[in-house]
N, C-alpha and C. Protein backbone atom coordinates (compact mmCIF):
# COMPACT_ATOMS: atom_id res chain seq x y z
N MET A 1 -80.57 74.84 -143.58
CA MET A 1 -80.93 73.98 -144.70
C MET A 1 -79.68 73.29 -145.23
N ASP A 2 -79.80 71.99 -145.60
CA ASP A 2 -78.69 71.25 -146.16
C ASP A 2 -78.60 71.60 -147.65
N ILE A 3 -77.62 72.44 -148.05
CA ILE A 3 -77.55 72.93 -149.42
C ILE A 3 -77.14 71.83 -150.40
N GLN A 4 -76.71 70.68 -149.92
CA GLN A 4 -76.34 69.59 -150.80
C GLN A 4 -77.54 68.79 -151.26
N LYS A 5 -78.69 69.05 -150.71
CA LYS A 5 -79.89 68.31 -151.08
C LYS A 5 -80.76 69.14 -152.02
N LEU A 6 -81.27 68.47 -153.05
CA LEU A 6 -82.08 69.17 -154.05
C LEU A 6 -83.41 69.64 -153.48
N TYR A 7 -84.01 68.81 -152.62
CA TYR A 7 -85.32 69.12 -152.08
C TYR A 7 -85.21 69.57 -150.62
N SER A 8 -86.17 70.38 -150.20
CA SER A 8 -86.26 70.74 -148.78
C SER A 8 -87.72 70.87 -148.39
N VAL A 9 -87.97 70.83 -147.09
CA VAL A 9 -89.32 70.95 -146.58
C VAL A 9 -89.29 71.80 -145.31
N GLU A 10 -90.35 72.54 -145.08
CA GLU A 10 -90.46 73.35 -143.87
C GLU A 10 -91.90 73.80 -143.72
N TYR A 11 -92.19 74.46 -142.60
CA TYR A 11 -93.50 75.07 -142.39
C TYR A 11 -93.43 76.52 -142.85
N ALA A 12 -94.41 76.93 -143.65
CA ALA A 12 -94.39 78.27 -144.22
C ALA A 12 -94.36 79.33 -143.11
N LYS A 13 -93.42 80.27 -143.25
CA LYS A 13 -93.25 81.30 -142.23
C LYS A 13 -94.26 82.43 -142.36
N SER A 14 -94.91 82.52 -143.51
CA SER A 14 -95.95 83.53 -143.73
C SER A 14 -96.91 82.97 -144.77
N GLY A 15 -97.88 83.78 -145.17
CA GLY A 15 -98.81 83.35 -146.21
C GLY A 15 -98.53 84.00 -147.54
N ARG A 16 -97.28 84.47 -147.71
CA ARG A 16 -96.96 85.22 -148.93
C ARG A 16 -96.41 84.37 -150.07
N SER A 17 -95.90 83.19 -149.77
CA SER A 17 -95.31 82.37 -150.84
C SER A 17 -96.40 81.74 -151.69
N LYS A 18 -96.07 81.51 -152.97
CA LYS A 18 -97.01 80.89 -153.90
C LYS A 18 -96.48 79.56 -154.38
N CYS A 19 -97.40 78.64 -154.58
CA CYS A 19 -97.06 77.32 -155.08
C CYS A 19 -96.85 77.38 -156.58
N ARG A 20 -95.71 76.86 -157.06
CA ARG A 20 -95.43 76.85 -158.49
C ARG A 20 -96.34 75.87 -159.22
N GLY A 21 -96.86 74.88 -158.51
CA GLY A 21 -97.70 73.89 -159.16
C GLY A 21 -99.09 74.39 -159.50
N CYS A 22 -99.76 75.04 -158.52
CA CYS A 22 -101.15 75.48 -158.73
C CYS A 22 -101.29 76.99 -158.76
N ASN A 23 -100.20 77.69 -158.45
CA ASN A 23 -100.17 79.16 -158.43
C ASN A 23 -101.05 79.77 -157.35
N GLU A 24 -101.41 78.97 -156.35
CA GLU A 24 -102.18 79.46 -155.22
C GLU A 24 -101.24 79.74 -154.05
N SER A 25 -101.69 80.62 -153.12
CA SER A 25 -100.87 80.95 -151.97
C SER A 25 -100.74 79.74 -151.04
N ILE A 26 -99.62 79.68 -150.35
CA ILE A 26 -99.38 78.64 -149.35
C ILE A 26 -99.63 79.26 -147.98
N GLU A 27 -100.57 78.72 -147.24
CA GLU A 27 -100.95 79.31 -145.96
C GLU A 27 -99.80 79.27 -144.96
N LYS A 28 -99.79 80.26 -144.07
CA LYS A 28 -98.79 80.29 -143.00
C LYS A 28 -98.88 79.02 -142.17
N ALA A 29 -97.72 78.46 -141.85
CA ALA A 29 -97.57 77.25 -141.03
C ALA A 29 -97.92 75.97 -141.79
N ALA A 30 -98.33 76.10 -143.07
CA ALA A 30 -98.60 74.90 -143.86
C ALA A 30 -97.29 74.26 -144.29
N LEU A 31 -97.33 72.96 -144.49
CA LEU A 31 -96.15 72.25 -144.96
C LEU A 31 -95.88 72.64 -146.41
N ARG A 32 -94.64 73.02 -146.71
CA ARG A 32 -94.30 73.37 -148.07
C ARG A 32 -92.94 72.76 -148.45
N PHE A 33 -92.82 72.42 -149.73
CA PHE A 33 -91.61 71.81 -150.26
C PHE A 33 -90.98 72.75 -151.26
N SER A 34 -89.67 72.66 -151.40
CA SER A 34 -88.99 73.52 -152.35
C SER A 34 -87.97 72.75 -153.17
N ILE A 35 -87.76 73.26 -154.40
CA ILE A 35 -86.63 72.88 -155.24
C ILE A 35 -85.89 74.19 -155.48
N GLY A 36 -84.75 74.35 -154.84
CA GLY A 36 -84.09 75.65 -154.86
C GLY A 36 -84.94 76.64 -154.09
N LYS A 37 -85.38 77.69 -154.76
CA LYS A 37 -86.23 78.70 -154.13
C LYS A 37 -87.65 78.67 -154.68
N ILE A 38 -88.01 77.57 -155.29
CA ILE A 38 -89.35 77.41 -155.86
C ILE A 38 -90.19 76.56 -154.90
N TRP A 39 -91.32 77.12 -154.45
CA TRP A 39 -92.12 76.48 -153.41
C TRP A 39 -93.33 75.74 -153.98
N PHE A 40 -93.74 74.68 -153.28
CA PHE A 40 -94.89 73.89 -153.67
C PHE A 40 -95.70 73.49 -152.44
N HIS A 41 -97.03 73.38 -152.62
CA HIS A 41 -97.82 72.65 -151.64
C HIS A 41 -97.35 71.20 -151.62
N LYS A 42 -97.63 70.49 -150.57
CA LYS A 42 -97.21 69.09 -150.47
C LYS A 42 -97.75 68.26 -151.63
N ASP A 43 -99.06 68.34 -151.88
CA ASP A 43 -99.65 67.52 -152.94
C ASP A 43 -99.13 67.92 -154.31
N CYS A 44 -98.94 69.22 -154.53
CA CYS A 44 -98.44 69.69 -155.82
C CYS A 44 -97.00 69.23 -156.05
N PHE A 45 -96.22 69.24 -154.99
CA PHE A 45 -94.82 68.81 -155.09
C PHE A 45 -94.73 67.36 -155.55
N PHE A 46 -95.53 66.48 -154.93
CA PHE A 46 -95.41 65.06 -155.23
C PHE A 46 -96.07 64.66 -156.54
N LYS A 47 -96.80 65.58 -157.17
CA LYS A 47 -97.34 65.29 -158.51
C LYS A 47 -96.25 65.23 -159.55
N SER A 48 -95.19 66.02 -159.36
CA SER A 48 -94.15 66.11 -160.38
C SER A 48 -92.75 65.75 -159.89
N ASN A 49 -92.62 65.42 -158.59
CA ASN A 49 -91.32 65.09 -158.02
C ASN A 49 -91.42 63.81 -157.21
N LYS A 50 -90.38 63.01 -157.27
CA LYS A 50 -90.38 61.74 -156.56
C LYS A 50 -89.02 61.48 -155.92
N PRO A 51 -88.77 62.06 -154.74
CA PRO A 51 -87.52 61.73 -154.04
C PRO A 51 -87.41 60.23 -153.82
N LYS A 52 -86.19 59.71 -153.86
CA LYS A 52 -85.99 58.27 -153.67
C LYS A 52 -86.33 57.85 -152.25
N ASN A 53 -86.03 58.71 -151.30
CA ASN A 53 -86.36 58.44 -149.90
C ASN A 53 -86.30 59.76 -149.14
N VAL A 54 -86.68 59.74 -147.89
CA VAL A 54 -86.76 60.98 -147.12
C VAL A 54 -85.39 61.58 -146.85
N ASP A 55 -84.33 60.79 -147.00
CA ASP A 55 -82.98 61.33 -146.81
C ASP A 55 -82.63 62.34 -147.88
N ASP A 56 -83.38 62.35 -148.99
CA ASP A 56 -83.14 63.31 -150.07
C ASP A 56 -83.77 64.67 -149.78
N ILE A 57 -84.52 64.77 -148.68
CA ILE A 57 -85.26 66.00 -148.38
C ILE A 57 -84.64 66.68 -147.16
N ALA A 58 -84.06 67.85 -147.36
CA ALA A 58 -83.46 68.60 -146.25
C ALA A 58 -84.54 69.02 -145.26
N ASN A 59 -84.19 69.02 -143.97
CA ASN A 59 -85.05 69.46 -142.87
C ASN A 59 -86.16 68.47 -142.53
N PHE A 60 -86.14 67.28 -143.15
CA PHE A 60 -87.19 66.30 -142.86
C PHE A 60 -87.28 65.99 -141.37
N GLU A 61 -86.12 65.86 -140.70
CA GLU A 61 -86.10 65.49 -139.28
C GLU A 61 -86.68 66.59 -138.40
N ASP A 62 -86.87 67.82 -138.94
CA ASP A 62 -87.43 68.91 -138.15
C ASP A 62 -88.95 68.90 -138.15
N LEU A 63 -89.56 68.03 -138.94
CA LEU A 63 -91.01 67.98 -139.02
C LEU A 63 -91.61 67.31 -137.80
N ARG A 64 -92.88 67.63 -137.52
CA ARG A 64 -93.61 66.93 -136.47
C ARG A 64 -93.76 65.46 -136.84
N ALA A 65 -93.96 64.64 -135.83
CA ALA A 65 -94.01 63.20 -136.07
C ALA A 65 -95.10 62.81 -137.06
N ASP A 66 -96.29 63.41 -136.95
CA ASP A 66 -97.37 63.03 -137.86
C ASP A 66 -97.07 63.45 -139.29
N ASP A 67 -96.38 64.59 -139.47
CA ASP A 67 -96.02 65.01 -140.82
C ASP A 67 -94.92 64.13 -141.40
N GLN A 68 -94.00 63.66 -140.56
CA GLN A 68 -92.99 62.72 -141.03
C GLN A 68 -93.65 61.46 -141.58
N VAL A 69 -94.67 60.99 -140.88
CA VAL A 69 -95.38 59.78 -141.32
C VAL A 69 -96.03 60.01 -142.67
N SER A 70 -96.71 61.15 -142.85
CA SER A 70 -97.41 61.41 -144.11
C SER A 70 -96.43 61.58 -145.27
N VAL A 71 -95.28 62.21 -145.01
CA VAL A 71 -94.29 62.39 -146.07
C VAL A 71 -93.66 61.06 -146.44
N ARG A 72 -93.36 60.23 -145.44
CA ARG A 72 -92.81 58.90 -145.73
C ARG A 72 -93.76 58.11 -146.63
N ALA A 73 -95.06 58.21 -146.34
CA ALA A 73 -96.04 57.48 -147.14
C ALA A 73 -96.04 57.96 -148.59
N LEU A 74 -95.94 59.28 -148.80
CA LEU A 74 -95.92 59.82 -150.15
C LEU A 74 -94.64 59.46 -150.90
N VAL A 75 -93.54 59.38 -150.17
CA VAL A 75 -92.28 58.98 -150.79
C VAL A 75 -92.27 57.48 -151.08
N GLY A 76 -93.14 56.74 -150.39
CA GLY A 76 -93.16 55.30 -150.53
C GLY A 76 -92.10 54.66 -149.67
N ASP A 77 -91.81 55.28 -148.53
CA ASP A 77 -90.69 54.88 -147.69
C ASP A 77 -91.15 54.22 -146.41
N GLN A 78 -92.38 53.66 -146.41
CA GLN A 78 -92.89 53.13 -145.14
C GLN A 78 -92.04 52.00 -144.61
N LEU A 79 -91.66 51.06 -145.46
CA LEU A 79 -90.89 49.92 -144.98
C LEU A 79 -89.48 50.33 -144.62
N ALA A 80 -88.96 51.35 -145.28
CA ALA A 80 -87.63 51.84 -144.95
C ALA A 80 -87.59 52.39 -143.53
N GLU A 81 -88.74 52.89 -143.04
CA GLU A 81 -88.79 53.40 -141.67
C GLU A 81 -88.45 52.30 -140.68
N HIS A 82 -88.96 51.09 -140.91
CA HIS A 82 -88.63 49.97 -140.03
C HIS A 82 -87.14 49.68 -140.07
N ARG A 83 -86.60 49.56 -141.28
CA ARG A 83 -85.20 49.21 -141.44
C ARG A 83 -84.29 50.28 -140.83
N GLN A 84 -84.66 51.57 -141.01
CA GLN A 84 -83.82 52.65 -140.50
C GLN A 84 -83.77 52.63 -138.98
N ARG A 85 -84.88 52.24 -138.34
CA ARG A 85 -84.88 52.18 -136.89
C ARG A 85 -83.89 51.14 -136.40
N VAL A 86 -83.78 50.04 -137.14
CA VAL A 86 -82.82 49.01 -136.75
C VAL A 86 -81.40 49.54 -136.92
N GLU A 87 -81.13 50.19 -138.07
CA GLU A 87 -79.79 50.69 -138.34
C GLU A 87 -79.39 51.78 -137.36
N ASP A 88 -80.34 52.60 -136.92
CA ASP A 88 -80.05 53.73 -136.05
C ASP A 88 -80.18 53.36 -134.57
N ASP A 89 -80.34 52.07 -134.27
CA ASP A 89 -80.55 51.63 -132.89
C ASP A 89 -81.81 52.26 -132.31
N GLU A 90 -82.82 52.44 -133.17
CA GLU A 90 -84.09 53.02 -132.76
C GLU A 90 -85.18 51.96 -132.85
N ASP A 91 -84.76 50.69 -132.82
CA ASP A 91 -85.69 49.59 -132.95
C ASP A 91 -86.60 49.51 -131.73
N PRO A 92 -87.91 49.69 -131.89
CA PRO A 92 -88.82 49.67 -130.74
C PRO A 92 -88.97 48.29 -130.13
N TYR A 93 -88.52 47.27 -130.81
CA TYR A 93 -88.67 45.92 -130.31
C TYR A 93 -87.36 45.36 -129.77
N GLU A 94 -86.39 46.25 -129.51
CA GLU A 94 -85.10 45.84 -128.96
C GLU A 94 -84.49 44.74 -129.83
N ASN A 95 -84.35 43.50 -129.32
CA ASN A 95 -83.64 42.45 -130.04
C ASN A 95 -84.57 41.46 -130.74
N VAL A 96 -85.80 41.85 -130.99
CA VAL A 96 -86.76 40.94 -131.60
C VAL A 96 -86.27 40.44 -132.96
N TYR A 97 -85.62 41.31 -133.74
CA TYR A 97 -85.18 40.93 -135.08
C TYR A 97 -84.11 39.84 -135.07
N ASP A 98 -83.42 39.67 -133.95
CA ASP A 98 -82.29 38.75 -133.91
C ASP A 98 -82.69 37.31 -134.25
N ASP A 99 -83.95 36.97 -134.06
CA ASP A 99 -84.41 35.60 -134.30
C ASP A 99 -84.82 35.35 -135.75
N TYR A 100 -84.68 36.36 -136.61
CA TYR A 100 -85.16 36.24 -137.99
C TYR A 100 -84.05 36.55 -138.97
N GLU A 101 -84.03 35.81 -140.08
CA GLU A 101 -83.00 36.00 -141.09
C GLU A 101 -83.21 37.28 -141.88
N THR A 102 -84.45 37.63 -142.15
CA THR A 102 -84.76 38.80 -142.97
C THR A 102 -85.87 39.62 -142.34
N PHE A 103 -85.98 40.87 -142.80
CA PHE A 103 -87.05 41.75 -142.36
C PHE A 103 -88.41 41.18 -142.73
N GLU A 104 -88.50 40.53 -143.92
CA GLU A 104 -89.76 39.99 -144.38
C GLU A 104 -90.25 38.87 -143.46
N GLU A 105 -89.30 38.05 -142.92
CA GLU A 105 -89.70 37.01 -141.97
C GLU A 105 -90.30 37.62 -140.72
N TRP A 106 -89.70 38.74 -140.26
CA TRP A 106 -90.25 39.41 -139.09
C TRP A 106 -91.64 39.94 -139.39
N MET A 107 -91.85 40.50 -140.60
CA MET A 107 -93.18 41.00 -140.99
C MET A 107 -94.19 39.86 -140.95
N ASP A 108 -93.82 38.68 -141.47
CA ASP A 108 -94.74 37.55 -141.44
C ASP A 108 -95.09 37.17 -140.02
N ASN A 109 -94.10 37.19 -139.12
CA ASN A 109 -94.34 36.85 -137.73
C ASN A 109 -95.29 37.85 -137.09
N GLN A 110 -95.09 39.16 -137.40
CA GLN A 110 -95.98 40.16 -136.84
C GLN A 110 -97.40 40.00 -137.35
N SER A 111 -97.55 39.56 -138.61
CA SER A 111 -98.88 39.32 -139.16
C SER A 111 -99.59 38.21 -138.40
N SER A 112 -98.85 37.15 -138.06
CA SER A 112 -99.46 36.06 -137.29
C SER A 112 -99.85 36.53 -135.90
N HIS A 113 -99.05 37.47 -135.33
CA HIS A 113 -99.42 38.05 -134.04
C HIS A 113 -100.74 38.78 -134.15
N ARG A 114 -100.92 39.50 -135.25
CA ARG A 114 -102.16 40.26 -135.42
C ARG A 114 -103.35 39.32 -135.51
N ARG A 115 -103.17 38.20 -136.23
CA ARG A 115 -104.29 37.26 -136.36
C ARG A 115 -104.67 36.66 -135.02
N ARG A 116 -103.68 36.47 -134.14
CA ARG A 116 -103.99 35.97 -132.80
C ARG A 116 -104.74 37.01 -131.98
N ASP A 117 -104.59 38.29 -132.34
CA ASP A 117 -105.28 39.39 -131.66
C ASP A 117 -105.00 39.36 -130.16
N SER A 118 -103.76 39.16 -129.78
CA SER A 118 -103.39 39.09 -128.37
C SER A 118 -103.41 40.48 -127.75
N ARG A 119 -104.00 40.62 -126.57
CA ARG A 119 -104.03 41.90 -125.89
C ARG A 119 -102.62 42.36 -125.51
N ASN A 120 -101.70 41.42 -125.30
CA ASN A 120 -100.35 41.79 -124.91
C ASN A 120 -99.60 42.51 -126.03
N ASP A 121 -100.11 42.45 -127.26
CA ASP A 121 -99.45 43.10 -128.38
C ASP A 121 -99.91 44.54 -128.57
N GLU A 122 -100.84 45.00 -127.76
CA GLU A 122 -101.41 46.33 -127.98
C GLU A 122 -100.52 47.45 -127.47
N PHE A 123 -99.63 47.18 -126.52
CA PHE A 123 -98.82 48.21 -125.89
C PHE A 123 -97.38 47.74 -125.72
N LEU A 124 -96.49 48.70 -125.49
CA LEU A 124 -95.08 48.40 -125.31
C LEU A 124 -94.48 49.49 -124.42
N VAL A 125 -93.54 49.13 -123.54
CA VAL A 125 -92.88 50.12 -122.69
C VAL A 125 -91.38 49.87 -122.73
N GLY A 126 -90.61 50.94 -122.68
CA GLY A 126 -89.15 50.81 -122.68
C GLY A 126 -88.49 52.17 -122.67
N HIS A 127 -87.16 52.18 -122.68
CA HIS A 127 -86.41 53.43 -122.69
C HIS A 127 -86.18 53.90 -124.12
N ALA A 128 -86.32 55.19 -124.35
CA ALA A 128 -86.04 55.76 -125.67
C ALA A 128 -84.54 55.64 -125.96
N SER A 129 -84.20 55.08 -127.13
CA SER A 129 -82.79 54.90 -127.47
C SER A 129 -82.19 56.12 -128.16
N SER A 130 -83.04 57.13 -128.43
CA SER A 130 -82.55 58.40 -128.97
C SER A 130 -83.55 59.48 -128.55
N ASN A 131 -83.33 60.71 -128.99
CA ASN A 131 -84.29 61.78 -128.69
C ASN A 131 -85.07 62.17 -129.94
N ARG A 132 -85.23 61.22 -130.88
CA ARG A 132 -85.90 61.53 -132.14
C ARG A 132 -87.40 61.27 -132.12
N SER A 133 -87.87 60.44 -131.20
CA SER A 133 -89.30 60.13 -131.19
C SER A 133 -90.09 61.25 -130.52
N ALA A 134 -91.29 61.51 -131.05
CA ALA A 134 -92.15 62.57 -130.51
C ALA A 134 -93.38 61.95 -129.88
N CYS A 135 -93.82 62.53 -128.79
CA CYS A 135 -95.01 62.06 -128.08
C CYS A 135 -96.25 62.36 -128.91
N ARG A 136 -97.13 61.39 -129.06
CA ARG A 136 -98.33 61.56 -129.87
C ARG A 136 -99.36 62.47 -129.21
N TYR A 137 -99.21 62.72 -127.91
CA TYR A 137 -100.18 63.56 -127.20
C TYR A 137 -99.73 65.02 -127.15
N CYS A 138 -98.54 65.28 -126.62
CA CYS A 138 -98.09 66.67 -126.45
C CYS A 138 -97.24 67.16 -127.61
N ARG A 139 -96.82 66.23 -128.51
CA ARG A 139 -96.01 66.56 -129.70
C ARG A 139 -94.58 66.98 -129.37
N ASN A 140 -94.18 66.91 -128.13
CA ASN A 140 -92.80 67.22 -127.76
C ASN A 140 -91.95 65.96 -127.88
N PHE A 141 -90.65 66.15 -128.11
CA PHE A 141 -89.76 65.00 -128.24
C PHE A 141 -89.55 64.33 -126.88
N ILE A 142 -89.32 63.04 -126.95
CA ILE A 142 -89.07 62.24 -125.75
C ILE A 142 -87.55 62.12 -125.59
N ASP A 143 -87.05 62.48 -124.42
CA ASP A 143 -85.61 62.49 -124.19
C ASP A 143 -85.01 61.09 -124.28
N LYS A 144 -83.77 61.04 -124.73
CA LYS A 144 -83.05 59.78 -124.78
C LYS A 144 -82.99 59.15 -123.39
N ARG A 145 -83.23 57.85 -123.32
CA ARG A 145 -83.24 57.03 -122.10
C ARG A 145 -84.46 57.28 -121.21
N GLU A 146 -85.35 58.19 -121.61
CA GLU A 146 -86.58 58.38 -120.84
C GLU A 146 -87.52 57.20 -121.09
N VAL A 147 -88.25 56.80 -120.04
CA VAL A 147 -89.22 55.73 -120.20
C VAL A 147 -90.39 56.24 -121.04
N ARG A 148 -90.81 55.44 -121.99
CA ARG A 148 -91.92 55.81 -122.87
C ARG A 148 -92.83 54.60 -123.07
N ILE A 149 -94.08 54.87 -123.40
CA ILE A 149 -95.06 53.79 -123.62
C ILE A 149 -95.67 53.97 -125.00
N ALA A 150 -95.85 52.86 -125.71
CA ALA A 150 -96.42 52.91 -127.05
C ALA A 150 -97.77 52.21 -127.11
N LYS A 151 -98.66 52.79 -127.88
CA LYS A 151 -99.86 52.10 -128.33
C LYS A 151 -99.54 51.58 -129.73
N MET A 152 -99.68 50.29 -129.94
CA MET A 152 -99.30 49.71 -131.21
C MET A 152 -100.37 49.96 -132.27
N ASP A 153 -99.92 50.45 -133.44
CA ASP A 153 -100.81 50.77 -134.55
C ASP A 153 -100.65 49.69 -135.61
N TYR A 154 -101.70 48.89 -135.82
CA TYR A 154 -101.64 47.80 -136.78
C TYR A 154 -102.11 48.21 -138.18
N ASP A 155 -102.56 49.44 -138.33
CA ASP A 155 -103.18 49.84 -139.59
C ASP A 155 -102.30 50.75 -140.45
N PHE A 156 -101.11 51.12 -139.96
CA PHE A 156 -100.28 52.10 -140.67
C PHE A 156 -99.92 51.65 -142.08
N LEU A 157 -99.57 50.37 -142.24
CA LEU A 157 -99.15 49.87 -143.54
C LEU A 157 -100.29 49.21 -144.32
N ALA A 158 -101.52 49.37 -143.84
CA ALA A 158 -102.64 48.66 -144.46
C ALA A 158 -102.84 49.02 -145.92
N ASN A 159 -102.53 50.26 -146.28
CA ASN A 159 -102.74 50.70 -147.65
C ASN A 159 -101.46 50.78 -148.46
N SER A 160 -100.39 50.20 -147.94
CA SER A 160 -99.11 50.24 -148.64
C SER A 160 -99.08 49.18 -149.72
N SER A 161 -98.01 49.18 -150.51
CA SER A 161 -97.86 48.20 -151.58
C SER A 161 -97.44 46.83 -151.05
N TYR A 162 -97.08 46.78 -149.76
CA TYR A 162 -96.71 45.50 -149.17
C TYR A 162 -97.97 44.66 -149.05
N ASN A 163 -98.01 43.48 -149.71
CA ASN A 163 -99.27 42.78 -149.90
C ASN A 163 -99.60 41.76 -148.83
N ARG A 164 -99.08 41.96 -147.62
CA ARG A 164 -99.43 41.06 -146.53
C ARG A 164 -100.03 41.89 -145.40
N ASP A 165 -100.47 41.19 -144.35
CA ASP A 165 -101.01 41.93 -143.21
C ASP A 165 -99.94 42.86 -142.66
N PRO A 166 -100.31 44.09 -142.29
CA PRO A 166 -99.31 45.05 -141.82
C PRO A 166 -98.75 44.71 -140.46
N ALA A 167 -97.47 45.00 -140.28
CA ALA A 167 -96.85 44.87 -138.96
C ALA A 167 -97.18 46.11 -138.15
N PRO A 168 -97.20 46.00 -136.83
CA PRO A 168 -97.56 47.16 -136.00
C PRO A 168 -96.46 48.20 -135.94
N ILE A 169 -96.86 49.46 -135.82
CA ILE A 169 -95.95 50.58 -135.64
C ILE A 169 -96.20 51.13 -134.23
N PRO A 170 -95.15 51.38 -133.43
CA PRO A 170 -95.37 51.94 -132.09
C PRO A 170 -95.65 53.43 -132.15
N ARG A 171 -96.71 53.88 -131.51
CA ARG A 171 -97.03 55.30 -131.38
C ARG A 171 -96.67 55.70 -129.95
N TRP A 172 -95.57 56.42 -129.80
CA TRP A 172 -94.98 56.63 -128.48
C TRP A 172 -95.61 57.79 -127.71
N TYR A 173 -95.60 57.66 -126.39
CA TYR A 173 -96.09 58.69 -125.47
C TYR A 173 -95.12 58.82 -124.29
N HIS A 174 -95.00 60.04 -123.75
CA HIS A 174 -94.42 60.16 -122.43
C HIS A 174 -95.32 59.35 -121.47
N VAL A 175 -94.77 58.86 -120.41
CA VAL A 175 -95.57 58.09 -119.45
C VAL A 175 -96.71 58.95 -118.90
N ARG A 176 -96.42 60.21 -118.55
CA ARG A 176 -97.46 61.08 -118.00
C ARG A 176 -98.55 61.37 -119.03
N CYS A 177 -98.16 61.49 -120.28
CA CYS A 177 -99.14 61.76 -121.34
C CYS A 177 -99.99 60.51 -121.61
N PHE A 178 -99.34 59.36 -121.61
CA PHE A 178 -100.08 58.11 -121.78
C PHE A 178 -101.11 57.96 -120.67
N ALA A 179 -100.73 58.31 -119.43
CA ALA A 179 -101.65 58.22 -118.31
C ALA A 179 -102.88 59.10 -118.51
N GLN A 180 -102.68 60.30 -119.07
CA GLN A 180 -103.80 61.19 -119.34
C GLN A 180 -104.71 60.64 -120.43
N MET A 181 -104.14 59.84 -121.32
CA MET A 181 -104.90 59.32 -122.46
C MET A 181 -105.35 57.87 -122.26
N ARG A 182 -105.18 57.32 -121.07
CA ARG A 182 -105.40 55.88 -120.90
C ARG A 182 -106.81 55.45 -121.28
N ASN A 183 -107.82 56.26 -121.02
CA ASN A 183 -109.19 55.88 -121.39
C ASN A 183 -109.38 55.89 -122.90
N GLN A 184 -108.88 56.96 -123.55
CA GLN A 184 -109.00 57.05 -125.00
C GLN A 184 -108.21 55.94 -125.69
N LEU A 185 -107.09 55.53 -125.08
CA LEU A 185 -106.27 54.46 -125.65
C LEU A 185 -106.74 53.08 -125.23
N GLN A 186 -107.79 53.05 -124.43
CA GLN A 186 -108.41 51.80 -123.98
C GLN A 186 -107.42 50.91 -123.22
N PHE A 187 -106.65 51.57 -122.37
CA PHE A 187 -105.74 50.83 -121.51
C PHE A 187 -106.47 50.55 -120.20
N LYS A 188 -106.83 49.28 -119.98
CA LYS A 188 -107.70 48.93 -118.86
C LYS A 188 -107.13 47.82 -117.99
N ARG A 189 -105.82 47.67 -118.00
CA ARG A 189 -105.24 46.60 -117.22
C ARG A 189 -104.02 47.09 -116.45
N SER A 190 -103.33 46.20 -115.80
CA SER A 190 -102.18 46.55 -114.99
C SER A 190 -100.99 46.99 -115.84
N ALA A 191 -100.28 48.01 -115.37
CA ALA A 191 -99.08 48.47 -116.07
C ALA A 191 -98.03 47.37 -116.13
N SER A 192 -98.02 46.50 -115.12
CA SER A 192 -97.01 45.43 -115.08
C SER A 192 -97.21 44.39 -116.18
N SER A 193 -98.37 44.43 -116.86
CA SER A 193 -98.63 43.46 -117.93
C SER A 193 -98.12 43.93 -119.28
N ILE A 194 -97.64 45.18 -119.35
CA ILE A 194 -97.16 45.71 -120.63
C ILE A 194 -95.84 45.04 -121.01
N PRO A 195 -95.71 44.54 -122.23
CA PRO A 195 -94.43 43.97 -122.65
C PRO A 195 -93.29 44.98 -122.47
N GLY A 196 -92.21 44.54 -121.88
CA GLY A 196 -91.06 45.40 -121.62
C GLY A 196 -90.99 45.89 -120.19
N PHE A 197 -92.11 45.77 -119.46
CA PHE A 197 -92.15 46.30 -118.09
C PHE A 197 -91.13 45.61 -117.19
N SER A 198 -91.01 44.30 -117.31
CA SER A 198 -90.11 43.56 -116.42
C SER A 198 -88.64 43.88 -116.68
N GLN A 199 -88.33 44.47 -117.86
CA GLN A 199 -86.95 44.82 -118.17
C GLN A 199 -86.55 46.20 -117.62
N LEU A 200 -87.52 46.96 -117.10
CA LEU A 200 -87.23 48.29 -116.56
C LEU A 200 -86.53 48.17 -115.21
N ARG A 201 -85.80 49.22 -114.83
CA ARG A 201 -85.24 49.28 -113.48
C ARG A 201 -86.37 49.43 -112.46
N GLN A 202 -86.10 49.06 -111.22
CA GLN A 202 -87.15 49.10 -110.21
C GLN A 202 -87.74 50.50 -110.05
N GLU A 203 -86.87 51.53 -110.04
CA GLU A 203 -87.40 52.89 -109.88
C GLU A 203 -88.27 53.31 -111.07
N ASP A 204 -87.94 52.80 -112.25
CA ASP A 204 -88.77 53.11 -113.41
C ASP A 204 -90.09 52.35 -113.36
N ARG A 205 -90.05 51.12 -112.89
CA ARG A 205 -91.31 50.38 -112.72
C ARG A 205 -92.21 51.07 -111.72
N ASP A 206 -91.62 51.56 -110.63
CA ASP A 206 -92.41 52.27 -109.62
C ASP A 206 -93.02 53.55 -110.20
N MET A 207 -92.25 54.24 -111.02
CA MET A 207 -92.74 55.47 -111.63
C MET A 207 -93.91 55.19 -112.56
N VAL A 208 -93.78 54.15 -113.38
CA VAL A 208 -94.86 53.80 -114.30
C VAL A 208 -96.11 53.40 -113.52
N MET A 209 -95.94 52.61 -112.48
CA MET A 209 -97.07 52.20 -111.67
C MET A 209 -97.76 53.37 -110.98
N SER A 210 -96.97 54.38 -110.59
CA SER A 210 -97.57 55.55 -109.94
C SER A 210 -98.45 56.34 -110.90
N HIS A 211 -98.07 56.34 -112.19
CA HIS A 211 -98.88 57.04 -113.19
C HIS A 211 -100.06 56.20 -113.67
N LEU A 212 -99.91 54.88 -113.57
CA LEU A 212 -100.95 53.99 -114.06
C LEU A 212 -101.39 53.01 -112.96
N PRO A 213 -102.01 53.53 -111.91
CA PRO A 213 -102.47 52.65 -110.82
C PRO A 213 -103.52 51.66 -111.30
N ASN A 214 -103.54 50.52 -110.67
CA ASN A 214 -104.45 49.45 -111.12
C ASN A 214 -105.91 49.71 -110.81
N ASN A 215 -106.17 50.60 -109.86
CA ASN A 215 -107.55 50.80 -109.39
C ASN A 215 -108.28 51.90 -110.15
N VAL A 216 -107.77 52.32 -111.29
CA VAL A 216 -108.45 53.37 -112.08
C VAL A 216 -109.36 52.73 -113.09
């Protein structure tokens, strides 16, 4: 635990701790927040505490990907997630931002993409620039430089305070996991049509094609 941070988060190691907010037990493996040694359920914690951003919460990076998303939303840090990816070289769109003066201009451009409803915007493929992203299927982290495929989520920011159409968020998968989920993800076309495919090395393109044959 980072002792310099006032807040921390973790999964309860047992069912013995009690929430200071509601005085009810916190179930084993449930997400719990603390101030010092005082524990809270997630909802109880955010009723009376408002971290400025997720960087104020120790152990945040140890959470599962879906829990990171829910905590970011409660902190009100959804847009900061986009900016942080750029700063950390974790930008899923590589150099897309280079053509825009501000983040807001890029958001407007993504909104126009959504209105066009282009099928090419539904997926993305590329190399992981870090080992921080987690696969949405198996929940394991994706290794740095490993090829990964995303299903674009256009609804993540729909309920945020940002008052324009939401920009898409990439939901990453290992290639093998994406292949197992291709029907559920409604992937019904050639792997070579995925944006980013042509930028892959030949051996990586061959690997992706082997997992996603056109005749399925």
